[in-house]
Amino acid sequence: MILNQPQKNILATYARSTTLEHLEGMRWYKTANEIATQLAESYSFSTEQACGVIAALSPGHDWNRNVKIAEIMLQRWSIADDIETMPLLGSYGRPNMRKAWRILKGEQPLAVLGGDKVRAFYSLMINPDNSEDVCIDRHAVSLWYGSKLGDNYVKLANTPAKIN
């Protein structure tokens, strides 16, 4: 079997990873679900709402920052803060904050969330055993191309890939 370059990039990265990284990777969405459940219980929300808030605010953030800003949103809701006067949270500001707020008001997350990445991220967090969805984020696209993409991510992510 002849491998194309993206396949080689993925396999090379996998070969460099440790057994512990493999195990942590296989458990990543279960851990994310546990964290969301803890946040939900702390602020009297459902796990679905906490996962929805995390997903809504996720674009442009690493996981630790994502959890922190989601918790700020849950805290602000619990003190009945006004979404329009809150400090900006997230890389994309009020539009994603409004999505998170709508979820906290009771709308179904998948009815509010937009974009394949964000919707898949939510679905995998809420159901870590889900084998239907794939979250293709900037990290996955960087792996595909074999280098950290940074600002080029959006341009490349929206370009159809050619698989030889």
Protein backbone atom coordinates (compact mmCIF):
# COMPACT_ATOMS: atom_id res chain seq x y z
CA MET A 1 0.00 0.00 0.00
CA ILE A 2 1.35 3.39 -0.98
CA LEU A 3 0.68 6.12 1.56
CA ASN A 4 0.00 9.72 0.64
CA GLN A 5 1.71 12.54 2.56
CA PRO A 6 -1.18 13.28 4.96
CA GLN A 7 -1.34 9.58 5.88
CA LYS A 8 2.42 9.59 6.49
CA ASN A 9 2.07 12.71 8.68
CA ILE A 10 -0.61 11.07 10.80
CA LEU A 11 1.26 7.78 11.19
CA ALA A 12 4.55 9.53 12.01
CA THR A 13 2.88 11.55 14.76
CA TYR A 14 1.20 8.44 16.13
CA ALA A 15 4.54 6.58 16.14
CA ARG A 16 6.15 9.40 18.17
CA SER A 17 3.46 9.29 20.85
CA THR A 18 3.75 7.32 24.07
CA THR A 19 1.52 4.58 25.40
CA LEU A 20 0.22 7.03 28.02
CA GLU A 21 -0.65 9.54 25.29
CA HIS A 22 -2.51 6.80 23.40
CA LEU A 23 -4.52 5.94 26.51
CA GLU A 24 -5.25 9.58 27.34
CA GLY A 25 -6.27 10.23 23.74
CA MET A 26 -8.67 7.30 23.73
CA ARG A 27 -10.25 8.66 26.91
CA TRP A 28 -10.21 12.36 26.00
CA TYR A 29 -13.93 12.85 25.36
CA LYS A 30 -14.89 10.82 28.46
CA THR A 31 -12.69 13.13 30.51
CA ALA A 32 -14.26 16.17 28.80
CA ASN A 33 -17.72 14.79 29.65
CA GLU A 34 -16.68 14.33 33.29
CA ILE A 35 -15.42 17.92 33.48
CA ALA A 36 -18.63 19.22 31.89
CA THR A 37 -20.69 17.16 34.34
CA GLN A 38 -18.76 18.63 37.28
CA LEU A 39 -19.34 22.16 35.98
CA ALA A 40 -23.02 21.39 35.42
CA GLU A 41 -23.46 20.10 38.95
CA SER A 42 -21.55 23.05 40.44
CA TYR A 43 -23.85 25.60 38.78
CA SER A 44 -27.13 23.61 38.65
CA PHE A 45 -27.25 22.98 34.91
CA SER A 46 -27.56 19.80 32.87
CA THR A 47 -24.50 18.14 31.39
CA GLU A 48 -26.01 18.86 27.96
CA GLN A 49 -26.07 22.58 28.75
CA ALA A 50 -22.50 22.58 30.09
CA CYS A 51 -21.25 20.69 27.01
CA GLY A 52 -23.17 23.13 24.81
CA VAL A 53 -21.60 26.15 26.50
CA ILE A 54 -18.13 24.63 26.22
CA ALA A 55 -18.70 23.88 22.53
CA ALA A 56 -20.19 27.31 21.77
CA LEU A 57 -17.19 29.09 23.28
CA SER A 58 -14.56 26.63 22.00
CA PRO A 59 -13.41 28.07 18.65
CA GLY A 60 -9.90 29.47 18.90
CA HIS A 61 -9.09 28.15 22.38
CA ASP A 62 -7.07 25.36 23.87
CA TRP A 63 -8.96 23.03 26.19
CA ASN A 64 -7.88 24.59 29.51
CA ARG A 65 -8.85 28.10 28.42
CA ASN A 66 -12.09 26.74 26.98
CA VAL A 67 -13.08 25.23 30.33
CA LYS A 68 -12.22 28.46 32.17
CA ILE A 69 -14.33 30.71 29.93
CA ALA A 70 -17.22 28.23 30.00
CA GLU A 71 -17.12 28.31 33.79
CA ILE A 72 -17.15 32.13 33.74
CA MET A 73 -20.28 31.99 31.53
CA LEU A 74 -21.97 29.58 33.96
CA GLN A 75 -21.02 31.79 36.92
CA ARG A 76 -22.34 34.92 35.21
CA TRP A 77 -25.64 33.20 34.42
CA SER A 78 -25.97 32.15 38.05
CA ILE A 79 -25.75 35.79 39.16
CA ALA A 80 -28.20 36.86 36.41
CA ASP A 81 -25.67 38.99 34.58
CA ASP A 82 -26.79 40.58 31.33
CA ILE A 83 -25.12 39.01 28.29
CA GLU A 84 -24.72 42.38 26.59
CA THR A 85 -22.81 43.96 29.49
CA MET A 86 -20.59 40.97 30.28
CA PRO A 87 -16.91 41.17 29.45
CA LEU A 88 -16.14 39.43 26.17
CA LEU A 89 -15.47 35.71 26.44
CA GLY A 90 -13.96 33.60 23.71
CA SER A 91 -12.07 34.37 20.54
CA TYR A 92 -15.19 35.31 18.61
CA GLY A 93 -16.94 37.44 21.23
CA ARG A 94 -20.65 38.11 21.56
CA PRO A 95 -21.99 35.89 18.76
CA ASN A 96 -20.68 32.74 20.46
CA MET A 97 -21.53 34.12 23.90
CA ARG A 98 -25.14 34.57 22.72
CA LYS A 99 -25.19 30.95 21.56
CA ALA A 100 -24.00 29.82 24.99
CA TRP A 101 -26.61 32.06 26.66
CA ARG A 102 -29.40 30.60 24.51
CA ILE A 103 -28.35 27.11 25.56
CA LEU A 104 -28.45 28.16 29.21
CA LYS A 105 -31.95 29.57 28.62
CA GLY A 106 -33.07 26.09 27.56
CA GLU A 107 -32.64 25.85 23.80
CA GLN A 108 -31.30 22.53 22.53
CA PRO A 109 -27.53 22.80 21.91
CA LEU A 110 -27.62 21.22 18.45
CA ALA A 111 -30.35 23.67 17.44
CA VAL A 112 -28.09 26.58 18.48
CA LEU A 113 -24.57 25.48 17.61
CA GLY A 114 -23.24 26.07 14.12
CA GLY A 115 -20.43 24.57 12.11
CA ASP A 116 -19.43 20.96 11.69
CA LYS A 117 -16.49 21.18 14.13
CA VAL A 118 -18.49 22.75 16.96
CA ARG A 119 -21.47 20.43 16.52
CA ALA A 120 -19.22 17.34 16.40
CA PHE A 121 -17.30 18.59 19.45
CA TYR A 122 -20.56 18.91 21.39
CA SER A 123 -21.83 15.51 20.23
CA LEU A 124 -18.62 13.77 21.22
CA MET A 125 -18.51 15.47 24.63
CA ILE A 126 -22.11 14.60 25.44
CA ASN A 127 -21.73 11.04 24.13
CA PRO A 128 -18.06 10.00 24.33
CA ASP A 129 -18.83 6.57 22.87
CA ASN A 130 -20.28 8.21 19.73
CA SER A 131 -18.69 6.64 16.69
CA GLU A 132 -20.62 8.69 14.13
CA ASP A 133 -19.07 12.15 14.56
CA VAL A 134 -15.51 13.29 13.93
CA CYS A 135 -14.23 16.58 15.28
CA ILE A 136 -11.85 18.05 12.73
CA ASP A 137 -10.34 21.03 14.49
CA ARG A 138 -7.24 23.11 13.80
CA HIS A 139 -5.08 20.47 15.49
CA ALA A 140 -6.35 17.73 13.18
CA VAL A 141 -5.88 19.93 10.12
CA SER A 142 -2.34 20.79 11.26
CA LEU A 143 -1.61 17.08 11.64
CA TRP A 144 -2.96 16.44 8.13
CA TYR A 145 -0.67 19.10 6.64
CA GLY A 146 2.32 18.10 8.78
CA SER A 147 2.87 21.48 10.42
CA LYS A 148 1.24 23.86 12.87
CA LEU A 149 -0.96 26.07 10.73
CA GLY A 150 -1.76 29.00 13.00
CA ASP A 151 -3.46 31.79 11.04
CA ASN A 152 -3.47 29.75 7.84
CA TYR A 153 -5.90 27.26 9.40
CA VAL A 154 -9.14 28.91 8.28
CA LYS A 155 -7.96 29.27 4.70
CA LEU A 156 -6.76 25.65 4.49
CA ALA A 157 -9.68 24.20 6.42
CA ASN A 158 -12.09 25.68 3.91
CA THR A 159 -10.18 24.34 0.90
CA PRO A 160 -11.27 20.94 -0.43
CA ALA A 161 -8.58 18.35 0.28
CA LYS A 162 -7.21 16.18 -2.48
CA ILE A 163 -6.49 12.63 -1.41
CA ASN A 164 -4.30 10.66 -3.79
